[in-house]
Amino acid sequence: GNPYGEAFSEDIVENLVAQLSAMGVSHISLGDTVGVSTPELIRRLFGRLVPLFPDVVFGAHLHTDLQSCAEKVLAAVKSGCQRFDCALGGMGGCPFASSTLVGNVPTEIVAQVVDRVGLLHGLDQSSLQRCLEMTRE
């Protein structure tokens, strides 16, 4: 999504990824900075791009509310997304996004989803919890 209401096109995204890949870009993060994506759209987009560009490591930069956050992260993980931009407690956000959004995807939710599907993330859970406590002080 974007804050300007422009139409979204999977074809345009694919074309841009193809151009970047042809230039040698090996890591591409797809973004939804205003929180309008759905799990189905995330599945469809990553499911389309990952097989077409096997030499690209895909990431996601999502903004979302807490109710749909885990479902969106799970959709991306199951569709081949390998990296996430996230922030402790979901801190930060986009000034164009609705105030009902939590902002960035919380690191702790990404870690929970990745744990649930049995993938490794390399985060020490006790350290993560201590950091979360520090953000609440």
Protein backbone atom coordinates (compact mmCIF):
# COMPACT_ATOMS: atom_id res chain seq x y z
CA GLY A 1 0.00 0.00 0.00
CA ASN A 2 0.96 3.61 -0.22
CA PRO A 3 -0.33 6.79 1.42
CA TYR A 4 -1.32 8.36 -1.89
CA GLY A 5 -4.08 5.95 -2.87
CA GLU A 6 -2.35 4.82 -6.06
CA ALA A 7 -3.47 1.51 -7.53
CA PHE A 8 -1.43 -1.54 -6.54
CA SER A 9 -0.26 -3.90 -9.26
CA GLU A 10 1.51 -7.20 -8.79
CA ASP A 11 2.72 -6.87 -12.39
CA ILE A 12 4.45 -3.58 -11.58
CA VAL A 13 6.11 -5.12 -8.51
CA GLU A 14 7.29 -8.09 -10.58
CA ASN A 15 8.68 -5.77 -13.26
CA LEU A 16 10.56 -3.68 -10.69
CA VAL A 17 11.97 -6.80 -9.02
CA ALA A 18 13.09 -8.07 -12.43
CA GLN A 19 14.89 -4.79 -13.11
CA LEU A 20 16.59 -4.79 -9.72
CA SER A 21 17.56 -8.43 -10.02
CA ALA A 22 19.05 -7.81 -13.47
CA MET A 23 21.21 -5.10 -11.91
CA GLY A 24 22.55 -7.61 -9.39
CA VAL A 25 20.44 -6.65 -6.39
CA SER A 26 20.25 -9.77 -4.24
CA HIS A 27 18.09 -8.60 -1.31
CA ILE A 28 14.72 -6.91 -1.88
CA SER A 29 12.26 -5.90 0.80
CA LEU A 30 8.61 -5.46 -0.13
CA GLY A 31 6.88 -2.79 1.90
CA ASP A 32 3.43 -1.92 3.13
CA THR A 33 4.09 1.23 5.11
CA VAL A 34 0.44 2.12 5.69
CA GLY A 35 -0.87 -1.27 6.79
CA VAL A 36 -3.35 -2.04 4.02
CA SER A 37 -2.02 -5.44 2.94
CA THR A 38 -3.86 -8.64 3.77
CA PRO A 39 -2.48 -12.11 4.48
CA GLU A 40 -3.89 -13.28 1.14
CA LEU A 41 -2.18 -10.48 -0.79
CA ILE A 42 1.08 -11.18 1.05
CA ARG A 43 0.84 -14.89 0.22
CA ARG A 44 0.04 -14.18 -3.39
CA LEU A 45 2.83 -11.64 -3.92
CA PHE A 46 5.63 -13.58 -2.23
CA GLY A 47 4.29 -16.81 -3.71
CA ARG A 48 4.58 -15.25 -7.16
CA LEU A 49 7.97 -13.56 -6.79
CA VAL A 50 10.03 -16.06 -4.79
CA PRO A 51 9.90 -18.83 -7.43
CA LEU A 52 10.50 -16.36 -10.27
CA PHE A 53 13.61 -14.90 -8.66
CA PRO A 54 15.42 -17.72 -6.82
CA ASP A 55 18.63 -15.68 -6.48
CA VAL A 56 16.85 -12.90 -4.57
CA VAL A 57 16.41 -12.97 -0.80
CA PHE A 58 13.02 -11.39 -0.12
CA GLY A 59 12.14 -9.43 2.96
CA ALA A 60 9.08 -7.62 4.25
CA HIS A 61 8.55 -4.21 5.81
CA LEU A 62 5.00 -4.32 7.13
CA HIS A 63 2.90 -2.04 9.27
CA THR A 64 -0.16 -3.57 10.83
CA ASP A 65 -2.48 -3.72 13.79
CA LEU A 66 -1.88 -6.29 16.53
CA GLN A 67 -4.92 -8.36 15.54
CA SER A 68 -3.59 -9.28 12.09
CA CYS A 69 0.15 -8.99 12.65
CA ALA A 70 0.96 -12.66 13.31
CA GLU A 71 -1.23 -13.78 10.41
CA LYS A 72 0.55 -11.42 8.01
CA VAL A 73 4.00 -12.51 9.20
CA LEU A 74 2.98 -16.17 8.93
CA ALA A 75 1.70 -15.61 5.38
CA ALA A 76 5.02 -14.06 4.39
CA VAL A 77 7.13 -16.77 6.07
CA LYS A 78 5.14 -19.59 4.51
CA SER A 79 5.46 -17.93 1.09
CA GLY A 80 9.24 -17.69 1.17
CA CYS A 81 9.98 -14.36 2.85
CA GLN A 82 13.31 -14.70 4.65
CA ARG A 83 13.80 -11.32 6.33
CA PHE A 84 11.65 -8.88 8.29
CA ASP A 85 12.11 -5.27 9.22
CA CYS A 86 10.73 -5.12 12.74
CA ALA A 87 11.05 -3.13 15.95
CA LEU A 88 10.76 -3.96 19.63
CA GLY A 89 7.16 -3.53 20.67
CA GLY A 90 6.31 -2.30 17.18
CA MET A 91 7.83 1.12 17.94
CA GLY A 92 7.89 3.64 15.14
CA GLY A 93 5.58 3.95 12.22
CA CYS A 94 4.56 5.98 9.25
CA PRO A 95 3.16 9.50 9.63
CA PHE A 96 0.74 8.81 6.75
CA ALA A 97 -0.74 5.68 8.37
CA SER A 98 -3.90 5.54 10.40
CA SER A 99 -3.44 6.02 14.13
CA THR A 100 -5.06 2.62 14.73
CA LEU A 101 -1.92 0.88 13.45
CA VAL A 102 0.74 -0.30 15.85
CA GLY A 103 3.40 0.89 13.48
CA ASN A 104 6.19 -1.48 12.62
CA VAL A 105 5.83 -5.22 13.09
CA PRO A 106 6.92 -6.11 16.63
CA THR A 107 10.13 -8.15 16.79
CA GLU A 108 8.63 -10.39 19.46
CA ILE A 109 5.73 -11.37 17.16
CA VAL A 110 8.11 -12.20 14.30
CA ALA A 111 10.13 -14.38 16.70
CA GLN A 112 6.96 -16.16 17.92
CA VAL A 113 5.78 -16.91 14.39
CA VAL A 114 9.19 -18.12 13.27
CA ASP A 115 9.40 -20.35 16.38
CA ARG A 116 5.92 -21.71 15.66
CA VAL A 117 6.87 -22.88 12.17
CA GLY A 118 10.14 -24.37 13.40
CA LEU A 119 12.59 -22.00 11.72
CA LEU A 120 15.64 -20.50 13.38
CA HIS A 121 15.89 -16.77 14.01
CA GLY A 122 18.97 -16.53 16.20
CA LEU A 123 17.36 -14.36 18.86
CA ASP A 124 17.94 -15.10 22.52
CA GLN A 125 14.43 -15.05 24.02
CA SER A 126 15.50 -13.96 27.52
CA SER A 127 17.52 -11.06 26.08
CA LEU A 128 14.59 -10.13 23.87
CA GLN A 129 12.31 -10.05 26.91
CA ARG A 130 14.78 -7.88 28.85
CA CYS A 131 14.94 -5.45 25.94
CA LEU A 132 11.15 -5.31 25.78
CA GLU A 133 11.02 -4.51 29.49
CA MET A 134 13.49 -1.69 28.95
CA THR A 135 11.25 -0.15 26.26
CA ARG A 136 8.39 -0.05 28.77
CA GLU A 137 10.37 1.89 31.38
